[in-house]
Amino acid sequence: MTIDPIQGKDNDDNEFGYIELSGENGGYFFTWRDNLRDTLRSIEPDQMDRPRRYVSTASLERMVRRAWRSRYGSCRADAIARSERSSCELACILHG
């Protein structure tokens, strides 16, 4: 799997990325949101080039988490400023 962290912008001007499965196996889109939790929730299969093999949600989320850290450094506390924080976000804030 490879990830293109910024493949374009959607109709609402949000940047989105793409996780391409190896070979001609399709892929998944995700949209950059204000926090990691919502970014992870945005992962969805490509409707035009549907994934042709199973990929676990954990694997997809791991790829997006790496892209998040690469994009924002260890973590951006200001980007995760909501009262509800996922354990991943908390761990990122506490441990960098």
C-alpha atoms as a PDB file:
ATOM      1  CA  MET A   1       0.000   0.000   0.000  1.00  0.00           C
ATOM      2  CA  THR A   2       1.113   3.526  -0.713  1.00  0.00           C
ATOM      3  CA  ILE A   3      -0.421   6.806   0.394  1.00  0.00           C
ATOM      4  CA  ASP A   4      -0.782  10.077  -1.466  1.00  0.00           C
ATOM      5  CA  PRO A   5      -1.488  12.468   1.413  1.00  0.00           C
ATOM      6  CA  ILE A   6      -2.846  15.272  -0.766  1.00  0.00           C
ATOM      7  CA  GLN A   7      -4.459  14.121  -3.962  1.00  0.00           C
ATOM      8  CA  GLY A   8      -6.806  17.056  -4.391  1.00  0.00           C
ATOM      9  CA  LYS A   9      -9.696  19.029  -2.923  1.00  0.00           C
ATOM     10  CA  ASP A  10     -13.348  18.099  -2.655  1.00  0.00           C
ATOM     11  CA  ASN A  11     -16.341  20.321  -3.482  1.00  0.00           C
ATOM     12  CA  ASP A  12     -16.134  21.888  -0.006  1.00  0.00           C
ATOM     13  CA  ASP A  13     -12.458  22.814  -0.546  1.00  0.00           C
ATOM     14  CA  ASN A  14     -11.225  20.139   1.896  1.00  0.00           C
ATOM     15  CA  GLU A  15      -7.987  18.402   0.977  1.00  0.00           C
ATOM     16  CA  PHE A  16      -8.196  14.647   0.544  1.00  0.00           C
ATOM     17  CA  GLY A  17      -5.674  11.857   0.251  1.00  0.00           C
ATOM     18  CA  TYR A  18      -5.652   8.407  -1.262  1.00  0.00           C
ATOM     19  CA  ILE A  19      -4.423   5.014  -0.095  1.00  0.00           C
ATOM     20  CA  GLU A  20      -3.553   2.942  -3.148  1.00  0.00           C
ATOM     21  CA  LEU A  21      -3.470  -0.804  -2.806  1.00  0.00           C
ATOM     22  CA  SER A  22      -0.595  -2.532  -4.583  1.00  0.00           C
ATOM     23  CA  GLY A  23      -1.083  -3.524  -8.186  1.00  0.00           C
ATOM     24  CA  GLU A  24      -4.463  -2.793  -9.688  1.00  0.00           C
ATOM     25  CA  ASN A  25      -6.424  -3.456  -6.534  1.00  0.00           C
ATOM     26  CA  GLY A  26      -8.183  -0.119  -6.073  1.00  0.00           C
ATOM     27  CA  GLY A  27      -7.920   2.077  -3.021  1.00  0.00           C
ATOM     28  CA  TYR A  28      -9.448   4.281  -0.348  1.00  0.00           C
ATOM     29  CA  PHE A  29      -9.980   8.021   0.010  1.00  0.00           C
ATOM     30  CA  PHE A  30      -9.764  10.020   3.220  1.00  0.00           C
ATOM     31  CA  THR A  31     -10.450  13.690   3.914  1.00  0.00           C
ATOM     32  CA  TRP A  32      -8.268  15.876   6.103  1.00  0.00           C
ATOM     33  CA  ARG A  33     -10.419  17.119   8.988  1.00  0.00           C
ATOM     34  CA  ASP A  34      -9.774  19.326  12.031  1.00  0.00           C
ATOM     35  CA  ASN A  35      -8.832  16.338  14.162  1.00  0.00           C
ATOM     36  CA  LEU A  36      -7.432  12.876  13.749  1.00  0.00           C
ATOM     37  CA  ARG A  37     -10.606  11.077  14.823  1.00  0.00           C
ATOM     38  CA  ASP A  38     -12.712  12.704  12.111  1.00  0.00           C
ATOM     39  CA  THR A  39      -9.955  12.189   9.539  1.00  0.00           C
ATOM     40  CA  LEU A  40      -9.911   8.463  10.368  1.00  0.00           C
ATOM     41  CA  ARG A  41     -13.712   8.315  10.152  1.00  0.00           C
ATOM     42  CA  SER A  42     -13.580   9.761   6.642  1.00  0.00           C
ATOM     43  CA  ILE A  43     -11.776   6.724   5.155  1.00  0.00           C
ATOM     44  CA  GLU A  44     -13.961   5.224   2.425  1.00  0.00           C
ATOM     45  CA  PRO A  45     -13.489   2.927  -0.577  1.00  0.00           C
ATOM     46  CA  ASP A  46     -12.887   4.465  -3.975  1.00  0.00           C
ATOM     47  CA  GLN A  47     -16.219   4.120  -5.773  1.00  0.00           C
ATOM     48  CA  MET A  48     -14.654   4.256  -9.265  1.00  0.00           C
ATOM     49  CA  ASP A  49     -11.792   1.836  -8.553  1.00  0.00           C
ATOM     50  CA  ARG A  50     -13.186  -0.312  -5.749  1.00  0.00           C
ATOM     51  CA  PRO A  51     -10.738  -2.266  -3.591  1.00  0.00           C
ATOM     52  CA  ARG A  52     -10.392  -5.820  -4.885  1.00  0.00           C
ATOM     53  CA  ARG A  53      -8.850  -7.302  -1.774  1.00  0.00           C
ATOM     54  CA  TYR A  54      -9.557  -7.053   1.931  1.00  0.00           C
ATOM     55  CA  VAL A  55      -7.602  -4.516   3.973  1.00  0.00           C
ATOM     56  CA  SER A  56      -8.266  -4.237   7.685  1.00  0.00           C
ATOM     57  CA  THR A  57      -9.540  -0.968   9.104  1.00  0.00           C
ATOM     58  CA  ALA A  58      -6.564  -0.983  11.476  1.00  0.00           C
ATOM     59  CA  SER A  59      -4.128  -1.077   8.525  1.00  0.00           C
ATOM     60  CA  LEU A  60      -5.866   1.813   6.772  1.00  0.00           C
ATOM     61  CA  GLU A  61      -5.984   3.866   9.973  1.00  0.00           C
ATOM     62  CA  ARG A  62      -2.283   3.180  10.619  1.00  0.00           C
ATOM     63  CA  MET A  63      -1.426   4.627   7.193  1.00  0.00           C
ATOM     64  CA  VAL A  64      -3.533   7.744   7.828  1.00  0.00           C
ATOM     65  CA  ARG A  65      -2.050   8.191  11.325  1.00  0.00           C
ATOM     66  CA  ARG A  66       1.448   8.164   9.800  1.00  0.00           C
ATOM     67  CA  ALA A  67       0.352  10.751   7.231  1.00  0.00           C
ATOM     68  CA  TRP A  68      -1.167  12.852  10.061  1.00  0.00           C
ATOM     69  CA  ARG A  69       2.118  12.786  12.007  1.00  0.00           C
ATOM     70  CA  SER A  70       4.060  13.625   8.870  1.00  0.00           C
ATOM     71  CA  ARG A  71       1.729  16.510   8.047  1.00  0.00           C
ATOM     72  CA  TYR A  72       1.465  18.007  11.523  1.00  0.00           C
ATOM     73  CA  GLY A  73       4.653  16.884  13.260  1.00  0.00           C
ATOM     74  CA  SER A  74       4.147  14.739  16.341  1.00  0.00           C
ATOM     75  CA  CYS A  75       0.622  16.107  16.860  1.00  0.00           C
ATOM     76  CA  ARG A  76      -1.074  19.462  16.781  1.00  0.00           C
ATOM     77  CA  ALA A  77      -2.825  20.050  20.089  1.00  0.00           C
ATOM     78  CA  ASP A  78      -4.695  22.956  18.496  1.00  0.00           C
ATOM     79  CA  ALA A  79      -6.027  20.601  15.818  1.00  0.00           C
ATOM     80  CA  ILE A  80      -7.277  18.218  18.486  1.00  0.00           C
ATOM     81  CA  ALA A  81      -8.790  20.860  20.755  1.00  0.00           C
ATOM     82  CA  ARG A  82     -12.192  19.195  21.119  1.00  0.00           C
ATOM     83  CA  SER A  83     -13.374  17.927  24.486  1.00  0.00           C
ATOM     84  CA  GLU A  84     -13.737  14.378  23.103  1.00  0.00           C
ATOM     85  CA  ARG A  85     -10.342  12.971  22.202  1.00  0.00           C
ATOM     86  CA  SER A  86      -9.548   9.521  20.984  1.00  0.00           C
ATOM     87  CA  SER A  87      -6.958   7.445  22.787  1.00  0.00           C
ATOM     88  CA  CYS A  88      -4.659   7.805  19.787  1.00  0.00           C
ATOM     89  CA  GLU A  89      -4.851  11.572  19.960  1.00  0.00           C
ATOM     90  CA  LEU A  90      -4.223  11.579  23.703  1.00  0.00           C
ATOM     91  CA  ALA A  91      -1.246   9.263  23.318  1.00  0.00           C
ATOM     92  CA  CYS A  92       0.112  11.488  20.574  1.00  0.00           C
ATOM     93  CA  ILE A  93      -0.224  14.582  22.759  1.00  0.00           C
ATOM     94  CA  LEU A  94       1.305  12.914  25.823  1.00  0.00           C
ATOM     95  CA  HIS A  95       4.111  11.020  24.110  1.00  0.00           C
ATOM     96  CA  GLY A  96       4.711  12.971  20.935  1.00  0.00           C
END
